[in-house]
PDB file of N, CA and C in Angstrom:
ATOM      1  N   MET A   1       0.778  -1.221   0.003  1.00  0.00           N
ATOM      2  CA  MET A   1       0.015  -0.055   0.074  1.00  0.00           C
ATOM      3  C   MET A   1       0.849   1.241   0.022  1.00  0.00           C
ATOM      4  N   THR A   2       0.646   2.181  -0.815  1.00  0.00           N
ATOM      5  CA  THR A   2       1.379   3.428  -0.994  1.00  0.00           C
ATOM      6  C   THR A   2       0.609   4.526  -0.128  1.00  0.00           C
ATOM      7  N   THR A   3       1.263   5.405   0.498  1.00  0.00           N
ATOM      8  CA  THR A   3       0.620   6.491   1.225  1.00  0.00           C
ATOM      9  C   THR A   3       1.379   7.754   0.805  1.00  0.00           C
ATOM     10  N   VAL A   4       0.482   8.737   0.370  1.00  0.00           N
ATOM     11  CA  VAL A   4       1.105  10.010  -0.021  1.00  0.00           C
ATOM     12  C   VAL A   4       0.197  11.146   0.880  1.00  0.00           C
ATOM     13  N   LYS A   5       1.004  12.031   1.232  1.00  0.00           N
ATOM     14  CA  LYS A   5       0.512  13.188   1.956  1.00  0.00           C
ATOM     15  C   LYS A   5      -0.073  14.297   0.900  1.00  0.00           C
ATOM     16  N   ILE A   6      -1.283  14.743   1.100  1.00  0.00           N
ATOM     17  CA  ILE A   6      -1.915  15.655   0.272  1.00  0.00           C
ATOM     18  C   ILE A   6      -2.477  16.899   1.047  1.00  0.00           C
ATOM     19  N   GLN A   7      -1.888  18.058   0.587  1.00  0.00           N
ATOM     20  CA  GLN A   7      -2.296  19.305   1.271  1.00  0.00           C
ATOM     21  C   GLN A   7      -3.480  19.938   0.524  1.00  0.00           C
ATOM     22  N   GLY A   8      -4.372  20.523   1.240  1.00  0.00           N
ATOM     23  CA  GLY A   8      -5.494  21.242   0.798  1.00  0.00           C
ATOM     24  C   GLY A   8      -6.842  20.719   0.814  1.00  0.00           C
ATOM     25  N   MET A   9      -6.892  19.402   1.393  1.00  0.00           N
ATOM     26  CA  MET A   9      -8.168  18.763   1.570  1.00  0.00           C
ATOM     27  C   MET A   9      -8.848  19.216   2.867  1.00  0.00           C
ATOM     28  N   SER A  10     -10.144  19.522   2.816  1.00  0.00           N
ATOM     29  CA  SER A  10     -10.868  19.960   3.907  1.00  0.00           C
ATOM     30  C   SER A  10     -12.149  19.348   4.361  1.00  0.00           C
ATOM     31  N   CYS A  11     -12.584  18.555   3.298  1.00  0.00           N
ATOM     32  CA  CYS A  11     -14.026  17.978   3.502  1.00  0.00           C
ATOM     33  C   CYS A  11     -14.109  16.701   2.668  1.00  0.00           C
ATOM     34  N   GLN A  12     -15.375  16.056   2.844  1.00  0.00           N
ATOM     35  CA  GLN A  12     -15.585  14.842   2.123  1.00  0.00           C
ATOM     36  C   GLN A  12     -15.586  15.034   0.568  1.00  0.00           C
ATOM     37  N   HIS A  13     -15.968  16.201   0.135  1.00  0.00           N
ATOM     38  CA  HIS A  13     -16.033  16.360  -1.253  1.00  0.00           C
ATOM     39  C   HIS A  13     -14.618  16.365  -1.711  1.00  0.00           C
ATOM     40  N   CYS A  14     -13.661  16.968  -1.071  1.00  0.00           N
ATOM     41  CA  CYS A  14     -12.121  16.975  -1.353  1.00  0.00           C
ATOM     42  C   CYS A  14     -11.719  15.474  -1.381  1.00  0.00           C
ATOM     43  N   ALA A  15     -12.192  14.668  -0.446  1.00  0.00           N
ATOM     44  CA  ALA A  15     -11.735  13.243  -0.398  1.00  0.00           C
ATOM     45  C   ALA A  15     -12.243  12.475  -1.626  1.00  0.00           C
ATOM     46  N   ALA A  16     -13.549  12.799  -1.917  1.00  0.00           N
ATOM     47  CA  ALA A  16     -14.026  12.175  -3.204  1.00  0.00           C
ATOM     48  C   ALA A  16     -13.353  12.525  -4.388  1.00  0.00           C
ATOM     49  N   ALA A  17     -12.923  13.803  -4.492  1.00  0.00           N
ATOM     50  CA  ALA A  17     -12.179  14.287  -5.668  1.00  0.00           C
ATOM     51  C   ALA A  17     -10.903  13.659  -5.774  1.00  0.00           C
ATOM     52  N   VAL A  18     -10.147  13.548  -4.629  1.00  0.00           N
ATOM     53  CA  VAL A  18      -8.826  12.955  -4.603  1.00  0.00           C
ATOM     54  C   VAL A  18      -8.976  11.499  -4.914  1.00  0.00           C
ATOM     55  N   GLN A  19      -9.995  10.735  -4.385  1.00  0.00           N
ATOM     56  CA  GLN A  19     -10.154   9.274  -4.723  1.00  0.00           C
ATOM     57  C   GLN A  19     -10.314   9.162  -6.157  1.00  0.00           C
ATOM     58  N   LYS A  20     -11.119   9.985  -6.813  1.00  0.00           N
ATOM     59  CA  LYS A  20     -11.431   9.893  -8.184  1.00  0.00           C
ATOM     60  C   LYS A  20     -10.088   9.956  -9.062  1.00  0.00           C
ATOM     61  N   VAL A  21      -9.345  11.038  -8.781  1.00  0.00           N
ATOM     62  CA  VAL A  21      -8.170  11.241  -9.529  1.00  0.00           C
ATOM     63  C   VAL A  21      -7.173  10.041  -9.301  1.00  0.00           C
ATOM     64  N   VAL A  22      -7.031   9.586  -8.165  1.00  0.00           N
ATOM     65  CA  VAL A  22      -5.997   8.481  -7.898  1.00  0.00           C
ATOM     66  C   VAL A  22      -6.623   7.189  -8.630  1.00  0.00           C
ATOM     67  N   GLN A  23      -7.816   6.911  -8.609  1.00  0.00           N
ATOM     68  CA  GLN A  23      -8.301   5.815  -9.366  1.00  0.00           C
ATOM     69  C   GLN A  23      -8.139   5.898 -10.902  1.00  0.00           C
ATOM     70  N   GLU A  24      -8.394   7.211 -11.358  1.00  0.00           N
ATOM     71  CA  GLU A  24      -8.181   7.334 -12.886  1.00  0.00           C
ATOM     72  C   GLU A  24      -6.667   7.187 -13.199  1.00  0.00           C
ATOM     73  N   LEU A  25      -5.862   7.302 -12.296  1.00  0.00           N
ATOM     74  CA  LEU A  25      -4.408   7.078 -12.650  1.00  0.00           C
ATOM     75  C   LEU A  25      -4.019   5.517 -12.564  1.00  0.00           C
ATOM     76  N   GLY A  26      -4.988   4.800 -12.195  1.00  0.00           N
ATOM     77  CA  GLY A  26      -4.724   3.209 -12.149  1.00  0.00           C
ATOM     78  C   GLY A  26      -4.704   2.654 -10.809  1.00  0.00           C
ATOM     79  N   ALA A  27      -4.887   3.324  -9.715  1.00  0.00           N
ATOM     80  CA  ALA A  27      -4.723   2.758  -8.412  1.00  0.00           C
ATOM     81  C   ALA A  27      -6.073   1.979  -8.054  1.00  0.00           C
ATOM     82  N   THR A  28      -5.952   1.136  -7.140  1.00  0.00           N
ATOM     83  CA  THR A  28      -7.127   0.343  -6.655  1.00  0.00           C
ATOM     84  C   THR A  28      -7.172   0.498  -5.084  1.00  0.00           C
ATOM     85  N   MET A  29      -8.235   0.162  -4.495  1.00  0.00           N
ATOM     86  CA  MET A  29      -8.358   0.195  -3.029  1.00  0.00           C
ATOM     87  C   MET A  29      -7.858   1.573  -2.505  1.00  0.00           C
ATOM     88  N   VAL A  30      -8.464   2.560  -2.955  1.00  0.00           N
ATOM     89  CA  VAL A  30      -8.029   4.031  -2.548  1.00  0.00           C
ATOM     90  C   VAL A  30      -8.821   4.249  -1.225  1.00  0.00           C
ATOM     91  N   GLN A  31      -8.042   4.746  -0.301  1.00  0.00           N
ATOM     92  CA  GLN A  31      -8.628   5.320   0.950  1.00  0.00           C
ATOM     93  C   GLN A  31      -8.103   6.678   1.134  1.00  0.00           C
ATOM     94  N   VAL A  32      -8.907   7.724   1.520  1.00  0.00           N
ATOM     95  CA  VAL A  32      -8.512   8.981   1.574  1.00  0.00           C
ATOM     96  C   VAL A  32      -8.884   9.457   2.996  1.00  0.00           C
ATOM     97  N   ASP A  33      -7.950   9.974   3.822  1.00  0.00           N
ATOM     98  CA  ASP A  33      -8.229  10.460   5.231  1.00  0.00           C
ATOM     99  C   ASP A  33      -7.987  11.891   5.187  1.00  0.00           C
ATOM    100  N   VAL A  34      -9.090  12.714   5.167  1.00  0.00           N
ATOM    101  CA  VAL A  34      -9.003  14.052   5.215  1.00  0.00           C
ATOM    102  C   VAL A  34      -8.253  14.670   6.529  1.00  0.00           C
ATOM    103  N   ALA A  35      -8.662  14.093   7.667  1.00  0.00           N
ATOM    104  CA  ALA A  35      -8.007  14.513   8.960  1.00  0.00           C
ATOM    105  C   ALA A  35      -6.538  14.436   8.988  1.00  0.00           C
ATOM    106  N   ARG A  36      -6.119  13.273   8.349  1.00  0.00           N
ATOM    107  CA  ARG A  36      -4.474  13.089   8.378  1.00  0.00           C
ATOM    108  C   ARG A  36      -3.930  13.674   7.107  1.00  0.00           C
ATOM    109  N   GLY A  37      -4.768  14.155   6.218  1.00  0.00           N
ATOM    110  CA  GLY A  37      -4.242  14.698   4.974  1.00  0.00           C
ATOM    111  C   GLY A  37      -3.428  13.678   4.117  1.00  0.00           C
ATOM    112  N   GLU A  38      -4.038  12.593   3.920  1.00  0.00           N
ATOM    113  CA  GLU A  38      -3.233  11.546   3.095  1.00  0.00           C
ATOM    114  C   GLU A  38      -4.274  10.626   2.294  1.00  0.00           C
ATOM    115  N   ALA A  39      -3.697   9.998   1.253  1.00  0.00           N
ATOM    116  CA  ALA A  39      -4.315   9.057   0.589  1.00  0.00           C
ATOM    117  C   ALA A  39      -3.446   7.816   0.606  1.00  0.00           C
ATOM    118  N   ARG A  40      -4.193   6.613   0.665  1.00  0.00           N
ATOM    119  CA  ARG A  40      -3.441   5.349   0.533  1.00  0.00           C
ATOM    120  C   ARG A  40      -4.174   4.575  -0.535  1.00  0.00           C
ATOM    121  N   PHE A  41      -3.228   3.803  -1.231  1.00  0.00           N
ATOM    122  CA  PHE A  41      -3.819   3.056  -2.305  1.00  0.00           C
ATOM    123  C   PHE A  41      -2.964   1.878  -2.776  1.00  0.00           C
ATOM    124  N   GLU A  42      -3.451   0.973  -3.513  1.00  0.00           N
ATOM    125  CA  GLU A  42      -2.721  -0.144  -4.074  1.00  0.00           C
ATOM    126  C   GLU A  42      -2.584   0.142  -5.458  1.00  0.00           C
ATOM    127  N   GLY A  43      -1.429  -0.445  -6.132  1.00  0.00           N
ATOM    128  CA  GLY A  43      -1.283  -0.215  -7.590  1.00  0.00           C
ATOM    129  C   GLY A  43      -0.106   0.694  -7.767  1.00  0.00           C
ATOM    130  N   LYS A  44       0.377   0.700  -9.057  1.00  0.00           N
ATOM    131  CA  LYS A  44       1.455   1.500  -9.536  1.00  0.00           C
ATOM    132  C   LYS A  44       0.899   2.834 -10.038  1.00  0.00           C
ATOM    133  N   VAL A  45       1.279   3.946  -9.500  1.00  0.00           N
ATOM    134  CA  VAL A  45       0.795   5.199 -10.015  1.00  0.00           C
ATOM    135  C   VAL A  45       2.054   6.086 -10.236  1.00  0.00           C
ATOM    136  N   ASP A  46       2.138   6.650 -11.303  1.00  0.00           N
ATOM    137  CA  ASP A  46       3.337   7.522 -11.675  1.00  0.00           C
ATOM    138  C   ASP A  46       3.281   8.738 -10.782  1.00  0.00           C
ATOM    139  N   GLN A  47       4.199   8.984  -9.942  1.00  0.00           N
ATOM    140  CA  GLN A  47       4.242  10.108  -8.959  1.00  0.00           C
ATOM    141  C   GLN A  47       4.130  11.462  -9.628  1.00  0.00           C
ATOM    142  N   GLU A  48       4.785  11.609 -10.777  1.00  0.00           N
ATOM    143  CA  GLU A  48       4.728  12.961 -11.445  1.00  0.00           C
ATOM    144  C   GLU A  48       3.343  13.266 -11.937  1.00  0.00           C
ATOM    145  N   ALA A  49       2.705  12.258 -12.511  1.00  0.00           N
ATOM    146  CA  ALA A  49       1.373  12.324 -13.067  1.00  0.00           C
ATOM    147  C   ALA A  49       0.388  12.528 -11.902  1.00  0.00           C
ATOM    148  N   LEU A  50       0.606  11.960 -10.735  1.00  0.00           N
ATOM    149  CA  LEU A  50      -0.259  12.178  -9.484  1.00  0.00           C
ATOM    150  C   LEU A  50      -0.036  13.676  -9.124  1.00  0.00           C
ATOM    151  N   ARG A  51       1.157  14.185  -9.040  1.00  0.00           N
ATOM    152  CA  ARG A  51       1.340  15.555  -8.651  1.00  0.00           C
ATOM    153  C   ARG A  51       0.698  16.514  -9.629  1.00  0.00           C
ATOM    154  N   ARG A  52       0.726  16.276 -10.923  1.00  0.00           N
ATOM    155  CA  ARG A  52       0.083  17.205 -11.894  1.00  0.00           C
ATOM    156  C   ARG A  52      -1.385  17.042 -11.718  1.00  0.00           C
ATOM    157  N   ALA A  53      -1.860  15.828 -11.617  1.00  0.00           N
ATOM    158  CA  ALA A  53      -3.480  15.719 -11.471  1.00  0.00           C
ATOM    159  C   ALA A  53      -3.978  16.338 -10.244  1.00  0.00           C
ATOM    160  N   MET A  54      -3.259  16.293  -9.186  1.00  0.00           N
ATOM    161  CA  MET A  54      -3.692  16.766  -7.893  1.00  0.00           C
ATOM    162  C   MET A  54      -3.593  18.429  -7.934  1.00  0.00           C
ATOM    163  N   ALA A  55      -2.570  18.853  -8.537  1.00  0.00           N
ATOM    164  CA  ALA A  55      -2.365  20.296  -8.764  1.00  0.00           C
ATOM    165  C   ALA A  55      -3.579  20.862  -9.627  1.00  0.00           C
ATOM    166  N   ALA A  56      -3.958  20.044 -10.563  1.00  0.00           N
ATOM    167  CA  ALA A  56      -5.064  20.549 -11.429  1.00  0.00           C
ATOM    168  C   ALA A  56      -6.390  20.649 -10.687  1.00  0.00           C
ATOM    169  N   GLN A  57      -6.449  19.814  -9.663  1.00  0.00           N
ATOM    170  CA  GLN A  57      -7.576  19.948  -8.703  1.00  0.00           C
ATOM    171  C   GLN A  57      -7.512  20.865  -7.613  1.00  0.00           C
ATOM    172  N   GLY A  58      -6.419  21.429  -7.428  1.00  0.00           N
ATOM    173  CA  GLY A  58      -6.135  22.429  -6.424  1.00  0.00           C
ATOM    174  C   GLY A  58      -5.520  21.849  -5.052  1.00  0.00           C
ATOM    175  N   TYR A  59      -4.838  20.646  -5.144  1.00  0.00           N
ATOM    176  CA  TYR A  59      -4.308  19.917  -4.049  1.00  0.00           C
ATOM    177  C   TYR A  59      -2.728  19.876  -4.386  1.00  0.00           C
ATOM    178  N   GLU A  60      -2.011  19.714  -3.254  1.00  0.00           N
ATOM    179  CA  GLU A  60      -0.573  19.540  -3.480  1.00  0.00           C
ATOM    180  C   GLU A  60      -0.147  18.160  -2.803  1.00  0.00           C
ATOM    181  N   VAL A  61       0.525  17.477  -3.527  1.00  0.00           N
ATOM    182  CA  VAL A  61       1.152  16.167  -3.069  1.00  0.00           C
ATOM    183  C   VAL A  61       2.509  16.566  -2.376  1.00  0.00           C
ATOM    184  N   LEU A  62       2.615  16.186  -1.096  1.00  0.00           N
ATOM    185  CA  LEU A  62       3.699  16.582  -0.207  1.00  0.00           C
ATOM    186  C   LEU A  62       4.776  15.436  -0.239  1.00  0.00           C
ATOM    187  N   ALA A  63       4.370  14.281  -0.229  1.00  0.00           N
ATOM    188  CA  ALA A  63       5.243  13.151  -0.022  1.00  0.00           C
ATOM    189  C   ALA A  63       4.472  11.800  -0.541  1.00  0.00           C
TER     190      ALA A  63
END
């Protein structure tokens, strides 16, 4: 399971948006925790593509 820190999430709508983006990049079993500011997922996701996709949605991938 891969865990990435995501800055800018504040509600369940944010979590749903992040989950959708990560799934579109090929991940499975996506779990988003707004309180912890992170997304966990299985599968191989290109980190640069993830950063760009999150930035397009208004979020920043920190790690």
